[in-house]
Amino acid sequence: MLQVVHLSDLHLFLPTASLQRAIQDLQNKLQQSWAAKIPGIRSLTHTYSYAFQTAQRELPNSLRRAIPDEPTVLAITGDIAALPYDSAQDIDNEYYSYVCSLVVASRAKLLLTLLGNHDWDLAGSTPFQATKFETNLKITSMPRPEYFPGSNVTVIFFVIPTTNNIFPAVGDVKSTTIGFLKRSFEEGRKGQLKFNDGKVFTEGEYRAAFKVVLMHHFPLPHSAYGGRISWLQYCDLRLRNRSELLRTCQDEIDTFMFGHSHEPCVNQRNGFIMVDAGSTLATDSAYAPRDAEFQMIQLHDTDKVNVLSYRWDRTLARFDITSNAPFRRSKARRWWLVPKP
């Protein structure tokens, strides 16, 4: 078995004086923006989320308890920081060190990270550019393909950007990224898909691989969240060209992994397995988050997948398993969620 541990929206935070000034500057700019002038959306521009410190401290322990000693990939799909105004030194000393502790706790052999909207400032720059996240993980190098070989299944990851600005919070998959995906799929079918380490997948290797898109914004419709996200919130957070992305990936991609919504969701949609971590640590109050979550995607083979969800338990002050969603691939090569007996 191979497993992918999925985290998103950590919203790590250091309450320094300079950061407080940056928050005030951001708030002033948002108040002057078009969104602040629209009734009903005004409140959205004033909401900030930060890592709940008790959950932040406990997460490595919960990973150690939950993750079996099997080949593991750790994927973090954006919003590592609460706001994009920390110094490079603080990001290295605090955030990079913390993420490394999660790698150790999960015994991951590969760490994949990308940037969310909270990791970019209003000018389209990111402090992560000058940190170990860039030096060691190439966090700003998107889109890019990655792979992880397992004994029974190999996974190909397509890491794609959906934003380069904290606000507005909507996302887009740019035409250049759509073009990258189309070229990658064509190269894979021809046995020409090449990775940064020089590895080239044969046609057979590509077709046999389990293929994942890692991204920050959610490619789901409003209805997928069952009323847990209001229509105004959805409009403020949505991926604007999600339909184009799904059409491009049809019959090529098995799973999408993402966050941004702060509402975890695991389901089947259009033949894809959709895995939304919501937010693993963030809260917008002094209280424990009601649905902080991480997931473990277990790949038994290319036709059998289980997604285990671990949610923050306020009473026990730890992450505990709350659901196990089994997915199977149909003869038409589409994924479906096995109904509960």
C-alpha atoms as a PDB file:
ATOM      1  CA  MET A   1       0.000   0.000   0.000  1.00  0.00           C
ATOM      2  CA  LEU A   2       1.011   3.606  -0.679  1.00  0.00           C
ATOM      3  CA  GLN A   3      -0.521   6.535   1.180  1.00  0.00           C
ATOM      4  CA  VAL A   4      -0.791  10.296   0.724  1.00  0.00           C
ATOM      5  CA  VAL A   5      -1.299  12.399   3.844  1.00  0.00           C
ATOM      6  CA  HIS A   6      -3.175  15.549   2.867  1.00  0.00           C
ATOM      7  CA  LEU A   7      -3.063  18.809   4.852  1.00  0.00           C
ATOM      8  CA  SER A   8      -4.188  22.269   3.831  1.00  0.00           C
ATOM      9  CA  ASP A   9      -4.641  25.801   5.181  1.00  0.00           C
ATOM     10  CA  LEU A  10      -2.342  25.591   8.190  1.00  0.00           C
ATOM     11  CA  HIS A  11      -2.457  29.399   8.598  1.00  0.00           C
ATOM     12  CA  LEU A  12       0.665  29.491  10.738  1.00  0.00           C
ATOM     13  CA  PHE A  13       1.071  32.818  12.485  1.00  0.00           C
ATOM     14  CA  LEU A  14       3.635  34.851  14.443  1.00  0.00           C
ATOM     15  CA  PRO A  15       2.070  37.907  16.163  1.00  0.00           C
ATOM     16  CA  THR A  16       4.991  40.303  15.704  1.00  0.00           C
ATOM     17  CA  ALA A  17       4.620  44.092  15.782  1.00  0.00           C
ATOM     18  CA  SER A  18       5.534  44.434  12.104  1.00  0.00           C
ATOM     19  CA  LEU A  19       2.954  41.818  11.183  1.00  0.00           C
ATOM     20  CA  GLN A  20       0.286  43.628  13.170  1.00  0.00           C
ATOM     21  CA  ARG A  21       1.031  46.780  11.175  1.00  0.00           C
ATOM     22  CA  ALA A  22       0.812  44.784   7.940  1.00  0.00           C
ATOM     23  CA  ILE A  23      -2.556  43.368   9.000  1.00  0.00           C
ATOM     24  CA  GLN A  24      -3.866  46.874   9.622  1.00  0.00           C
ATOM     25  CA  ASP A  25      -2.592  47.990   6.221  1.00  0.00           C
ATOM     26  CA  LEU A  26      -4.274  45.009   4.563  1.00  0.00           C
ATOM     27  CA  GLN A  27      -7.518  45.700   6.400  1.00  0.00           C
ATOM     28  CA  ASN A  28      -7.474  49.334   5.278  1.00  0.00           C
ATOM     29  CA  LYS A  29      -6.980  48.307   1.652  1.00  0.00           C
ATOM     30  CA  LEU A  30      -9.745  45.730   1.829  1.00  0.00           C
ATOM     31  CA  GLN A  31     -12.126  48.286   3.310  1.00  0.00           C
ATOM     32  CA  GLN A  32     -11.462  50.488   0.295  1.00  0.00           C
ATOM     33  CA  SER A  33     -11.940  47.657  -2.201  1.00  0.00           C
ATOM     34  CA  TRP A  34     -14.997  46.924  -4.308  1.00  0.00           C
ATOM     35  CA  ALA A  35     -15.982  43.958  -2.080  1.00  0.00           C
ATOM     36  CA  ALA A  36     -16.241  46.128   1.016  1.00  0.00           C
ATOM     37  CA  LYS A  37     -18.863  48.238  -0.754  1.00  0.00           C
ATOM     38  CA  ILE A  38     -21.214  45.320  -1.414  1.00  0.00           C
ATOM     39  CA  PRO A  39     -23.683  44.488   1.394  1.00  0.00           C
ATOM     40  CA  GLY A  40     -23.262  40.915   2.625  1.00  0.00           C
ATOM     41  CA  ILE A  41     -19.696  40.593   1.365  1.00  0.00           C
ATOM     42  CA  ARG A  42     -18.309  43.286   3.639  1.00  0.00           C
ATOM     43  CA  SER A  43     -17.958  40.864   6.563  1.00  0.00           C
ATOM     44  CA  LEU A  44     -15.955  38.428   4.474  1.00  0.00           C
ATOM     45  CA  THR A  45     -13.179  40.943   3.914  1.00  0.00           C
ATOM     46  CA  HIS A  46     -12.707  41.373   7.657  1.00  0.00           C
ATOM     47  CA  THR A  47     -12.343  37.684   8.548  1.00  0.00           C
ATOM     48  CA  TYR A  48      -8.891  36.298   9.303  1.00  0.00           C
ATOM     49  CA  SER A  49      -8.016  32.768  10.358  1.00  0.00           C
ATOM     50  CA  TYR A  50      -5.020  31.626  12.351  1.00  0.00           C
ATOM     51  CA  ALA A  51      -3.688  28.249  13.424  1.00  0.00           C
ATOM     52  CA  PHE A  52      -5.301  27.040  16.641  1.00  0.00           C
ATOM     53  CA  GLN A  53      -2.184  26.562  18.741  1.00  0.00           C
ATOM     54  CA  THR A  54      -3.390  23.519  20.681  1.00  0.00           C
ATOM     55  CA  ALA A  55      -4.127  21.705  17.414  1.00  0.00           C
ATOM     56  CA  GLN A  56      -0.831  22.936  15.945  1.00  0.00           C
ATOM     57  CA  ARG A  57       1.121  21.404  18.826  1.00  0.00           C
ATOM     58  CA  GLU A  58      -0.869  18.174  18.717  1.00  0.00           C
ATOM     59  CA  LEU A  59      -0.817  17.557  14.957  1.00  0.00           C
ATOM     60  CA  PRO A  60       2.617  15.807  14.891  1.00  0.00           C
ATOM     61  CA  ASN A  61       1.480  13.461  17.674  1.00  0.00           C
ATOM     62  CA  SER A  62      -1.751  12.664  15.847  1.00  0.00           C
ATOM     63  CA  LEU A  63       0.176  11.931  12.647  1.00  0.00           C
ATOM     64  CA  ARG A  64       2.483   9.557  14.518  1.00  0.00           C
ATOM     65  CA  ARG A  65      -0.523   7.674  15.913  1.00  0.00           C
ATOM     66  CA  ALA A  66      -2.537   7.596  12.696  1.00  0.00           C
ATOM     67  CA  ILE A  67      -0.065   6.913   9.892  1.00  0.00           C
ATOM     68  CA  PRO A  68       0.951   3.278   9.321  1.00  0.00           C
ATOM     69  CA  ASP A  69       4.567   2.504   8.497  1.00  0.00           C
ATOM     70  CA  GLU A  70       3.985   2.375   4.756  1.00  0.00           C
ATOM     71  CA  PRO A  71       5.463   4.416   1.878  1.00  0.00           C
ATOM     72  CA  THR A  72       4.064   7.907   2.470  1.00  0.00           C
ATOM     73  CA  VAL A  73       3.795  11.228   0.634  1.00  0.00           C
ATOM     74  CA  LEU A  74       2.939  14.370   2.613  1.00  0.00           C
ATOM     75  CA  ALA A  75       1.052  16.965   0.549  1.00  0.00           C
ATOM     76  CA  ILE A  76       0.222  20.475   1.821  1.00  0.00           C
ATOM     77  CA  THR A  77      -2.092  22.299  -0.569  1.00  0.00           C
ATOM     78  CA  GLY A  78      -1.492  25.934   0.295  1.00  0.00           C
ATOM     79  CA  ASP A  79      -2.032  28.652   2.899  1.00  0.00           C
ATOM     80  CA  ILE A  80       0.957  27.669   4.978  1.00  0.00           C
ATOM     81  CA  ALA A  81       0.916  31.166   6.469  1.00  0.00           C
ATOM     82  CA  ALA A  82      -2.043  33.112   7.821  1.00  0.00           C
ATOM     83  CA  LEU A  83      -0.793  36.267   6.111  1.00  0.00           C
ATOM     84  CA  PRO A  84       2.098  36.946   3.706  1.00  0.00           C
ATOM     85  CA  TYR A  85       4.036  39.443   5.817  1.00  0.00           C
ATOM     86  CA  ASP A  86       6.464  37.312   7.845  1.00  0.00           C
ATOM     87  CA  SER A  87      10.186  37.692   7.292  1.00  0.00           C
ATOM     88  CA  ALA A  88      12.094  35.008   5.410  1.00  0.00           C
ATOM     89  CA  GLN A  89      14.032  34.265   8.599  1.00  0.00           C
ATOM     90  CA  ASP A  90      10.847  33.730  10.612  1.00  0.00           C
ATOM     91  CA  ILE A  91       9.392  31.525   7.892  1.00  0.00           C
ATOM     92  CA  ASP A  92      12.544  29.368   7.904  1.00  0.00           C
ATOM     93  CA  ASN A  93      12.897  29.230  11.682  1.00  0.00           C
ATOM     94  CA  GLU A  94       9.240  28.687  12.523  1.00  0.00           C
ATOM     95  CA  TYR A  95       7.146  27.519   9.578  1.00  0.00           C
ATOM     96  CA  TYR A  96       9.707  25.446   7.685  1.00  0.00           C
ATOM     97  CA  SER A  97      10.841  23.803  10.916  1.00  0.00           C
ATOM     98  CA  TYR A  98       7.247  22.996  11.818  1.00  0.00           C
ATOM     99  CA  VAL A  99       6.527  21.474   8.404  1.00  0.00           C
ATOM    100  CA  CYS A 100       9.711  19.396   8.733  1.00  0.00           C
ATOM    101  CA  SER A 101       8.390  18.088  12.069  1.00  0.00           C
ATOM    102  CA  LEU A 102       5.260  16.928  10.231  1.00  0.00           C
ATOM    103  CA  VAL A 103       7.421  15.093   7.698  1.00  0.00           C
ATOM    104  CA  VAL A 104       9.223  13.293  10.524  1.00  0.00           C
ATOM    105  CA  ALA A 105       5.982  12.495  12.349  1.00  0.00           C
ATOM    106  CA  SER A 106       4.345  11.021   9.229  1.00  0.00           C
ATOM    107  CA  ARG A 107       7.574   9.272   8.128  1.00  0.00           C
ATOM    108  CA  ALA A 108       6.988  10.742   4.665  1.00  0.00           C
ATOM    109  CA  LYS A 109       9.482   9.958   1.910  1.00  0.00           C
ATOM    110  CA  LEU A 110       8.310  12.891  -0.216  1.00  0.00           C
ATOM    111  CA  LEU A 111       6.983  16.336   0.744  1.00  0.00           C
ATOM    112  CA  LEU A 112       4.967  18.328  -1.799  1.00  0.00           C
ATOM    113  CA  THR A 113       3.893  21.897  -1.059  1.00  0.00           C
ATOM    114  CA  LEU A 114       2.288  24.737  -2.952  1.00  0.00           C
ATOM    115  CA  LEU A 115       1.199  28.293  -2.226  1.00  0.00           C
ATOM    116  CA  GLY A 116      -2.332  29.426  -1.404  1.00  0.00           C
ATOM    117  CA  ASN A 117      -3.765  32.928  -1.608  1.00  0.00           C
ATOM    118  CA  HIS A 118      -2.702  33.723   1.986  1.00  0.00           C
ATOM    119  CA  ASP A 119       0.919  33.076   1.004  1.00  0.00           C
ATOM    120  CA  TRP A 120       0.869  35.935  -1.548  1.00  0.00           C
ATOM    121  CA  ASP A 121       0.620  39.654  -0.824  1.00  0.00           C
ATOM    122  CA  LEU A 122      -1.541  42.257  -2.562  1.00  0.00           C
ATOM    123  CA  ALA A 123       1.256  43.064  -5.009  1.00  0.00           C
ATOM    124  CA  GLY A 124       1.559  39.460  -6.185  1.00  0.00           C
ATOM    125  CA  SER A 125       4.814  38.754  -4.308  1.00  0.00           C
ATOM    126  CA  THR A 126       5.499  36.052  -1.741  1.00  0.00           C
ATOM    127  CA  PRO A 127       7.988  35.991   1.156  1.00  0.00           C
ATOM    128  CA  PHE A 128       8.367  32.245   0.567  1.00  0.00           C
ATOM    129  CA  GLN A 129      10.491  33.019  -2.512  1.00  0.00           C
ATOM    130  CA  ALA A 130      13.524  33.715  -0.296  1.00  0.00           C
ATOM    131  CA  THR A 131      13.129  30.761   2.083  1.00  0.00           C
ATOM    132  CA  LYS A 132      14.001  27.083   2.393  1.00  0.00           C
ATOM    133  CA  PHE A 133      10.558  26.303   0.997  1.00  0.00           C
ATOM    134  CA  GLU A 134      11.884  27.574  -2.330  1.00  0.00           C
ATOM    135  CA  THR A 135      15.478  26.339  -2.024  1.00  0.00           C
ATOM    136  CA  ASN A 136      14.559  22.802  -0.974  1.00  0.00           C
ATOM    137  CA  LEU A 137      10.986  22.345  -2.203  1.00  0.00           C
ATOM    138  CA  LYS A 138      10.670  24.702  -5.219  1.00  0.00           C
ATOM    139  CA  ILE A 139       7.373  25.914  -3.782  1.00  0.00           C
ATOM    140  CA  THR A 140       6.920  28.699  -6.349  1.00  0.00           C
ATOM    141  CA  SER A 141       7.797  26.460  -9.308  1.00  0.00           C
ATOM    142  CA  MET A 142       4.355  25.752 -10.671  1.00  0.00           C
ATOM    143  CA  PRO A 143       2.990  24.105 -12.660  1.00  0.00           C
ATOM    144  CA  ARG A 144       5.223  21.059 -12.376  1.00  0.00           C
ATOM    145  CA  PRO A 145       4.947  17.248 -12.451  1.00  0.00           C
ATOM    146  CA  GLU A 146       6.199  15.054  -9.598  1.00  0.00           C
ATOM    147  CA  TYR A 147       6.091  11.309  -9.057  1.00  0.00           C
ATOM    148  CA  PHE A 148       6.417   8.761  -6.273  1.00  0.00           C
ATOM    149  CA  PRO A 149       7.054   5.074  -7.031  1.00  0.00           C
ATOM    150  CA  GLY A 150       5.382   2.486  -4.810  1.00  0.00           C
ATOM    151  CA  SER A 151       5.590  -1.288  -4.813  1.00  0.00           C
ATOM    152  CA  ASN A 152       2.046  -1.757  -6.148  1.00  0.00           C
ATOM    153  CA  VAL A 153       1.211   1.659  -7.608  1.00  0.00           C
ATOM    154  CA  THR A 154       3.092   4.741  -8.775  1.00  0.00           C
ATOM    155  CA  VAL A 155       1.576   8.191  -8.295  1.00  0.00           C
ATOM    156  CA  ILE A 156       2.028  11.126 -10.670  1.00  0.00           C
ATOM    157  CA  PHE A 157       1.270  14.530  -9.169  1.00  0.00           C
ATOM    158  CA  PHE A 158       0.505  17.618 -11.220  1.00  0.00           C
ATOM    159  CA  VAL A 159       1.136  20.586  -8.910  1.00  0.00           C
ATOM    160  CA  ILE A 160      -0.689  23.614 -10.302  1.00  0.00           C
ATOM    161  CA  PRO A 161      -1.202  27.251  -9.215  1.00  0.00           C
ATOM    162  CA  THR A 162      -4.633  28.841  -8.848  1.00  0.00           C
ATOM    163  CA  THR A 163      -3.692  32.246  -7.411  1.00  0.00           C
ATOM    164  CA  ASN A 164      -0.877  34.731  -6.828  1.00  0.00           C
ATOM    165  CA  ASN A 165      -2.707  37.239  -4.642  1.00  0.00           C
ATOM    166  CA  ILE A 166      -4.261  37.176  -1.182  1.00  0.00           C
ATOM    167  CA  PHE A 167      -7.232  39.165  -2.415  1.00  0.00           C
ATOM    168  CA  PRO A 168      -9.582  38.690  -4.117  1.00  0.00           C
ATOM    169  CA  ALA A 169      -9.858  35.143  -2.783  1.00  0.00           C
ATOM    170  CA  VAL A 170     -11.275  33.666  -5.988  1.00  0.00           C
ATOM    171  CA  GLY A 171      -8.975  31.507  -8.081  1.00  0.00           C
ATOM    172  CA  ASP A 172      -8.221  30.837 -11.731  1.00  0.00           C
ATOM    173  CA  VAL A 173      -6.309  28.162 -13.579  1.00  0.00           C
ATOM    174  CA  LYS A 174      -4.506  30.230 -16.180  1.00  0.00           C
ATOM    175  CA  SER A 175      -4.463  29.260 -19.835  1.00  0.00           C
ATOM    176  CA  THR A 176      -0.727  28.527 -19.566  1.00  0.00           C
ATOM    177  CA  THR A 177      -1.467  25.974 -16.832  1.00  0.00           C
ATOM    178  CA  ILE A 178      -4.278  24.415 -18.868  1.00  0.00           C
ATOM    179  CA  GLY A 179      -1.776  24.181 -21.718  1.00  0.00           C
ATOM    180  CA  PHE A 180       0.778  22.548 -19.397  1.00  0.00           C
ATOM    181  CA  LEU A 181      -1.758  19.895 -18.389  1.00  0.00           C
ATOM    182  CA  LYS A 182      -2.753  19.160 -21.979  1.00  0.00           C
ATOM    183  CA  ARG A 183       0.896  18.833 -23.043  1.00  0.00           C
ATOM    184  CA  SER A 184       1.707  16.646 -20.051  1.00  0.00           C
ATOM    185  CA  PHE A 185      -1.191  14.299 -20.783  1.00  0.00           C
ATOM    186  CA  GLU A 186      -0.186  14.053 -24.441  1.00  0.00           C
ATOM    187  CA  GLU A 187       3.471  13.447 -23.540  1.00  0.00           C
ATOM    188  CA  GLY A 188       2.394  10.768 -21.076  1.00  0.00           C
ATOM    189  CA  ARG A 189       0.340   8.925 -23.672  1.00  0.00           C
ATOM    190  CA  LYS A 190       3.332   9.049 -26.039  1.00  0.00           C
ATOM    191  CA  GLY A 191       5.806   7.846 -23.424  1.00  0.00           C
ATOM    192  CA  GLN A 192       7.562  11.224 -23.289  1.00  0.00           C
ATOM    193  CA  LEU A 193       6.560  12.693 -19.896  1.00  0.00           C
ATOM    194  CA  LYS A 194       9.780  13.881 -18.252  1.00  0.00           C
ATOM    195  CA  PHE A 195      10.390  14.883 -14.639  1.00  0.00           C
ATOM    196  CA  ASN A 196      12.928  17.198 -13.028  1.00  0.00           C
ATOM    197  CA  ASP A 197      15.217  14.324 -12.034  1.00  0.00           C
ATOM    198  CA  GLY A 198      15.450  13.197 -15.679  1.00  0.00           C
ATOM    199  CA  LYS A 199      13.041  10.275 -15.308  1.00  0.00           C
ATOM    200  CA  VAL A 200      10.892   9.689 -18.390  1.00  0.00           C
ATOM    201  CA  PHE A 201       7.765   7.572 -18.051  1.00  0.00           C
ATOM    202  CA  THR A 202       7.023   5.040 -20.750  1.00  0.00           C
ATOM    203  CA  GLU A 203       3.514   4.947 -22.158  1.00  0.00           C
ATOM    204  CA  GLY A 204       2.779   1.876 -20.055  1.00  0.00           C
ATOM    205  CA  GLU A 205       4.124   3.456 -16.871  1.00  0.00           C
ATOM    206  CA  TYR A 206       2.071   6.578 -17.457  1.00  0.00           C
ATOM    207  CA  ARG A 207      -1.176   4.743 -18.142  1.00  0.00           C
ATOM    208  CA  ALA A 208      -0.706   2.492 -15.099  1.00  0.00           C
ATOM    209  CA  ALA A 209       0.020   5.378 -12.716  1.00  0.00           C
ATOM    210  CA  PHE A 210      -2.491   6.909 -10.314  1.00  0.00           C
ATOM    211  CA  LYS A 211      -2.718  10.589 -11.257  1.00  0.00           C
ATOM    212  CA  VAL A 212      -3.389  13.457  -8.866  1.00  0.00           C
ATOM    213  CA  VAL A 213      -3.848  17.212  -9.278  1.00  0.00           C
ATOM    214  CA  LEU A 214      -2.654  19.197  -6.256  1.00  0.00           C
ATOM    215  CA  MET A 215      -4.067  22.728  -6.073  1.00  0.00           C
ATOM    216  CA  HIS A 216      -5.299  25.272  -3.549  1.00  0.00           C
ATOM    217  CA  HIS A 217      -8.759  26.323  -4.760  1.00  0.00           C
ATOM    218  CA  PHE A 218     -11.643  23.864  -4.835  1.00  0.00           C
ATOM    219  CA  PRO A 219     -13.030  22.729  -8.230  1.00  0.00           C
ATOM    220  CA  LEU A 220     -16.414  21.841  -6.726  1.00  0.00           C
ATOM    221  CA  PRO A 221     -19.842  23.414  -7.232  1.00  0.00           C
ATOM    222  CA  HIS A 222     -21.661  25.138  -4.383  1.00  0.00           C
ATOM    223  CA  SER A 223     -24.002  22.144  -3.988  1.00  0.00           C
ATOM    224  CA  ALA A 224     -21.111  19.834  -3.066  1.00  0.00           C
ATOM    225  CA  TYR A 225     -20.863  21.426   0.389  1.00  0.00           C
ATOM    226  CA  GLY A 226     -24.449  20.777   1.414  1.00  0.00           C
ATOM    227  CA  GLY A 227     -25.185  24.281   2.644  1.00  0.00           C
ATOM    228  CA  ARG A 228     -22.084  24.560   4.836  1.00  0.00           C
ATOM    229  CA  ILE A 229     -20.835  27.405   2.617  1.00  0.00           C
ATOM    230  CA  SER A 230     -23.215  30.254   1.860  1.00  0.00           C
ATOM    231  CA  TRP A 231     -23.686  31.371  -1.730  1.00  0.00           C
ATOM    232  CA  LEU A 232     -21.890  34.658  -0.991  1.00  0.00           C
ATOM    233  CA  GLN A 233     -18.953  32.809   0.552  1.00  0.00           C
ATOM    234  CA  TYR A 234     -18.809  30.455  -2.402  1.00  0.00           C
ATOM    235  CA  CYS A 235     -18.732  33.370  -4.843  1.00  0.00           C
ATOM    236  CA  ASP A 236     -15.932  34.941  -2.811  1.00  0.00           C
ATOM    237  CA  LEU A 237     -13.816  31.757  -2.780  1.00  0.00           C
ATOM    238  CA  ARG A 238     -14.660  29.832  -5.931  1.00  0.00           C
ATOM    239  CA  LEU A 239     -12.416  28.619  -8.757  1.00  0.00           C
ATOM    240  CA  ARG A 240     -13.808  30.631 -11.651  1.00  0.00           C
ATOM    241  CA  ASN A 241     -12.926  28.243 -14.477  1.00  0.00           C
ATOM    242  CA  ARG A 242     -13.395  24.949 -12.664  1.00  0.00           C
ATOM    243  CA  SER A 243     -15.482  23.517 -15.538  1.00  0.00           C
ATOM    244  CA  GLU A 244     -12.653  24.075 -18.015  1.00  0.00           C
ATOM    245  CA  LEU A 245     -10.187  22.404 -15.652  1.00  0.00           C
ATOM    246  CA  LEU A 246     -12.417  19.354 -15.161  1.00  0.00           C
ATOM    247  CA  ARG A 247     -12.969  18.992 -18.920  1.00  0.00           C
ATOM    248  CA  THR A 248      -9.227  19.162 -19.501  1.00  0.00           C
ATOM    249  CA  CYS A 249      -8.562  16.466 -16.890  1.00  0.00           C
ATOM    250  CA  GLN A 250     -11.399  14.105 -17.849  1.00  0.00           C
ATOM    251  CA  ASP A 251     -10.144  10.533 -18.444  1.00  0.00           C
ATOM    252  CA  GLU A 252      -6.632  11.577 -17.358  1.00  0.00           C
ATOM    253  CA  ILE A 253      -6.784  12.438 -13.650  1.00  0.00           C
ATOM    254  CA  ASP A 254      -7.991  10.196 -10.822  1.00  0.00           C
ATOM    255  CA  THR A 255      -8.020  12.572  -7.858  1.00  0.00           C
ATOM    256  CA  PHE A 256      -8.031  16.264  -7.032  1.00  0.00           C
ATOM    257  CA  MET A 257      -6.635  17.332  -3.634  1.00  0.00           C
ATOM    258  CA  PHE A 258      -7.177  20.893  -2.438  1.00  0.00           C
ATOM    259  CA  GLY A 259      -8.311  23.134   0.426  1.00  0.00           C
ATOM    260  CA  HIS A 260      -9.245  26.840   0.673  1.00  0.00           C
ATOM    261  CA  SER A 261     -12.910  26.230   1.564  1.00  0.00           C
ATOM    262  CA  HIS A 262     -12.281  25.527   5.272  1.00  0.00           C
ATOM    263  CA  GLU A 263     -15.072  22.949   4.892  1.00  0.00           C
ATOM    264  CA  PRO A 264     -13.713  19.401   4.476  1.00  0.00           C
ATOM    265  CA  CYS A 265     -15.371  17.318   1.792  1.00  0.00           C
ATOM    266  CA  VAL A 266     -14.634  13.848   0.385  1.00  0.00           C
ATOM    267  CA  ASN A 267     -16.778  12.630  -2.481  1.00  0.00           C
ATOM    268  CA  GLN A 268     -17.013  11.556  -6.103  1.00  0.00           C
ATOM    269  CA  ARG A 269     -17.729  14.169  -8.759  1.00  0.00           C
ATOM    270  CA  ASN A 270     -17.684  13.698 -12.548  1.00  0.00           C
ATOM    271  CA  GLY A 271     -15.837  10.401 -12.113  1.00  0.00           C
ATOM    272  CA  PHE A 272     -13.037  11.999 -10.046  1.00  0.00           C
ATOM    273  CA  ILE A 273     -12.234  11.457  -6.378  1.00  0.00           C
ATOM    274  CA  MET A 274     -12.480  14.896  -4.765  1.00  0.00           C
ATOM    275  CA  VAL A 275     -10.597  15.441  -1.503  1.00  0.00           C
ATOM    276  CA  ASP A 276     -10.970  18.812   0.221  1.00  0.00           C
ATOM    277  CA  ALA A 277      -9.026  19.071   3.479  1.00  0.00           C
ATOM    278  CA  GLY A 278     -10.912  22.253   4.328  1.00  0.00           C
ATOM    279  CA  SER A 279      -8.418  23.569   6.863  1.00  0.00           C
ATOM    280  CA  THR A 280      -6.187  21.439   9.053  1.00  0.00           C
ATOM    281  CA  LEU A 281      -5.524  24.039  11.750  1.00  0.00           C
ATOM    282  CA  ALA A 282      -7.260  27.370  11.138  1.00  0.00           C
ATOM    283  CA  THR A 283      -9.783  29.048  13.402  1.00  0.00           C
ATOM    284  CA  ASP A 284     -11.254  32.550  13.116  1.00  0.00           C
ATOM    285  CA  SER A 285     -11.823  32.823  16.880  1.00  0.00           C
ATOM    286  CA  ALA A 286     -10.087  32.001  20.154  1.00  0.00           C
ATOM    287  CA  TYR A 287     -11.921  28.684  20.239  1.00  0.00           C
ATOM    288  CA  ALA A 288     -11.052  25.314  18.776  1.00  0.00           C
ATOM    289  CA  PRO A 289     -12.040  24.930  15.116  1.00  0.00           C
ATOM    290  CA  ARG A 290     -15.183  22.855  14.660  1.00  0.00           C
ATOM    291  CA  ASP A 291     -13.987  20.838  11.680  1.00  0.00           C
ATOM    292  CA  ALA A 292     -10.197  21.061  11.375  1.00  0.00           C
ATOM    293  CA  GLU A 293      -9.112  17.972   9.482  1.00  0.00           C
ATOM    294  CA  PHE A 294      -6.422  16.061   7.658  1.00  0.00           C
ATOM    295  CA  GLN A 295      -6.869  13.071   5.400  1.00  0.00           C
ATOM    296  CA  MET A 296      -4.974   9.923   4.535  1.00  0.00           C
ATOM    297  CA  ILE A 297      -5.504   8.596   1.016  1.00  0.00           C
ATOM    298  CA  GLN A 298      -4.647   4.893   0.933  1.00  0.00           C
ATOM    299  CA  LEU A 299      -3.832   3.506  -2.518  1.00  0.00           C
ATOM    300  CA  HIS A 300      -4.206  -0.250  -2.403  1.00  0.00           C
ATOM    301  CA  ASP A 301      -3.873  -0.488  -6.184  1.00  0.00           C
ATOM    302  CA  THR A 302      -4.923   1.582  -9.179  1.00  0.00           C
ATOM    303  CA  ASP A 303      -8.562   0.453  -8.815  1.00  0.00           C
ATOM    304  CA  LYS A 304      -9.027   0.590  -5.026  1.00  0.00           C
ATOM    305  CA  VAL A 305      -8.664   3.704  -2.849  1.00  0.00           C
ATOM    306  CA  ASN A 306      -9.755   4.559   0.681  1.00  0.00           C
ATOM    307  CA  VAL A 307      -9.861   8.112   2.055  1.00  0.00           C
ATOM    308  CA  LEU A 308      -9.650   8.303   5.849  1.00  0.00           C
ATOM    309  CA  SER A 309     -10.595  11.592   7.515  1.00  0.00           C
ATOM    310  CA  TYR A 310      -9.137  12.656  10.876  1.00  0.00           C
ATOM    311  CA  ARG A 311     -10.994  15.532  12.545  1.00  0.00           C
ATOM    312  CA  TRP A 312     -10.059  17.660  15.553  1.00  0.00           C
ATOM    313  CA  ASP A 313     -11.833  16.430  18.681  1.00  0.00           C
ATOM    314  CA  ARG A 314     -12.392  19.388  21.003  1.00  0.00           C
ATOM    315  CA  THR A 315     -12.939  17.178  24.037  1.00  0.00           C
ATOM    316  CA  LEU A 316      -9.924  14.907  23.585  1.00  0.00           C
ATOM    317  CA  ALA A 317      -7.764  17.694  22.073  1.00  0.00           C
ATOM    318  CA  ARG A 318      -6.454  15.483  19.273  1.00  0.00           C
ATOM    319  CA  PHE A 319      -7.236  14.406  15.729  1.00  0.00           C
ATOM    320  CA  ASP A 320      -9.294  11.209  15.573  1.00  0.00           C
ATOM    321  CA  ILE A 321     -10.625   9.224  12.642  1.00  0.00           C
ATOM    322  CA  THR A 322     -14.194  10.151  11.765  1.00  0.00           C
ATOM    323  CA  SER A 323     -14.815   8.480   8.400  1.00  0.00           C
ATOM    324  CA  ASN A 324     -13.447   5.989   5.883  1.00  0.00           C
ATOM    325  CA  ALA A 325     -14.634   6.560   2.317  1.00  0.00           C
ATOM    326  CA  PRO A 326     -13.968   3.608  -0.042  1.00  0.00           C
ATOM    327  CA  PHE A 327     -13.690   4.338  -3.759  1.00  0.00           C
ATOM    328  CA  ARG A 328     -13.559   1.849  -6.619  1.00  0.00           C
ATOM    329  CA  ARG A 329     -12.863   2.318 -10.313  1.00  0.00           C
ATOM    330  CA  SER A 330     -15.605   1.239 -12.724  1.00  0.00           C
ATOM    331  CA  LYS A 331     -15.110  -0.590 -16.000  1.00  0.00           C
ATOM    332  CA  ALA A 332     -15.525   2.793 -17.703  1.00  0.00           C
ATOM    333  CA  ARG A 333     -12.445   3.956 -15.697  1.00  0.00           C
ATOM    334  CA  ARG A 334     -14.531   6.372 -13.593  1.00  0.00           C
ATOM    335  CA  TRP A 335     -14.354   6.456  -9.803  1.00  0.00           C
ATOM    336  CA  TRP A 336     -17.379   5.882  -7.620  1.00  0.00           C
ATOM    337  CA  LEU A 337     -17.928   5.998  -3.861  1.00  0.00           C
ATOM    338  CA  VAL A 338     -18.970   2.633  -2.466  1.00  0.00           C
ATOM    339  CA  PRO A 339     -22.312   3.175  -0.687  1.00  0.00           C
ATOM    340  CA  LYS A 340     -22.603   2.321   2.982  1.00  0.00           C
ATOM    341  CA  PRO A 341     -24.384  -1.010   3.651  1.00  0.00           C
END
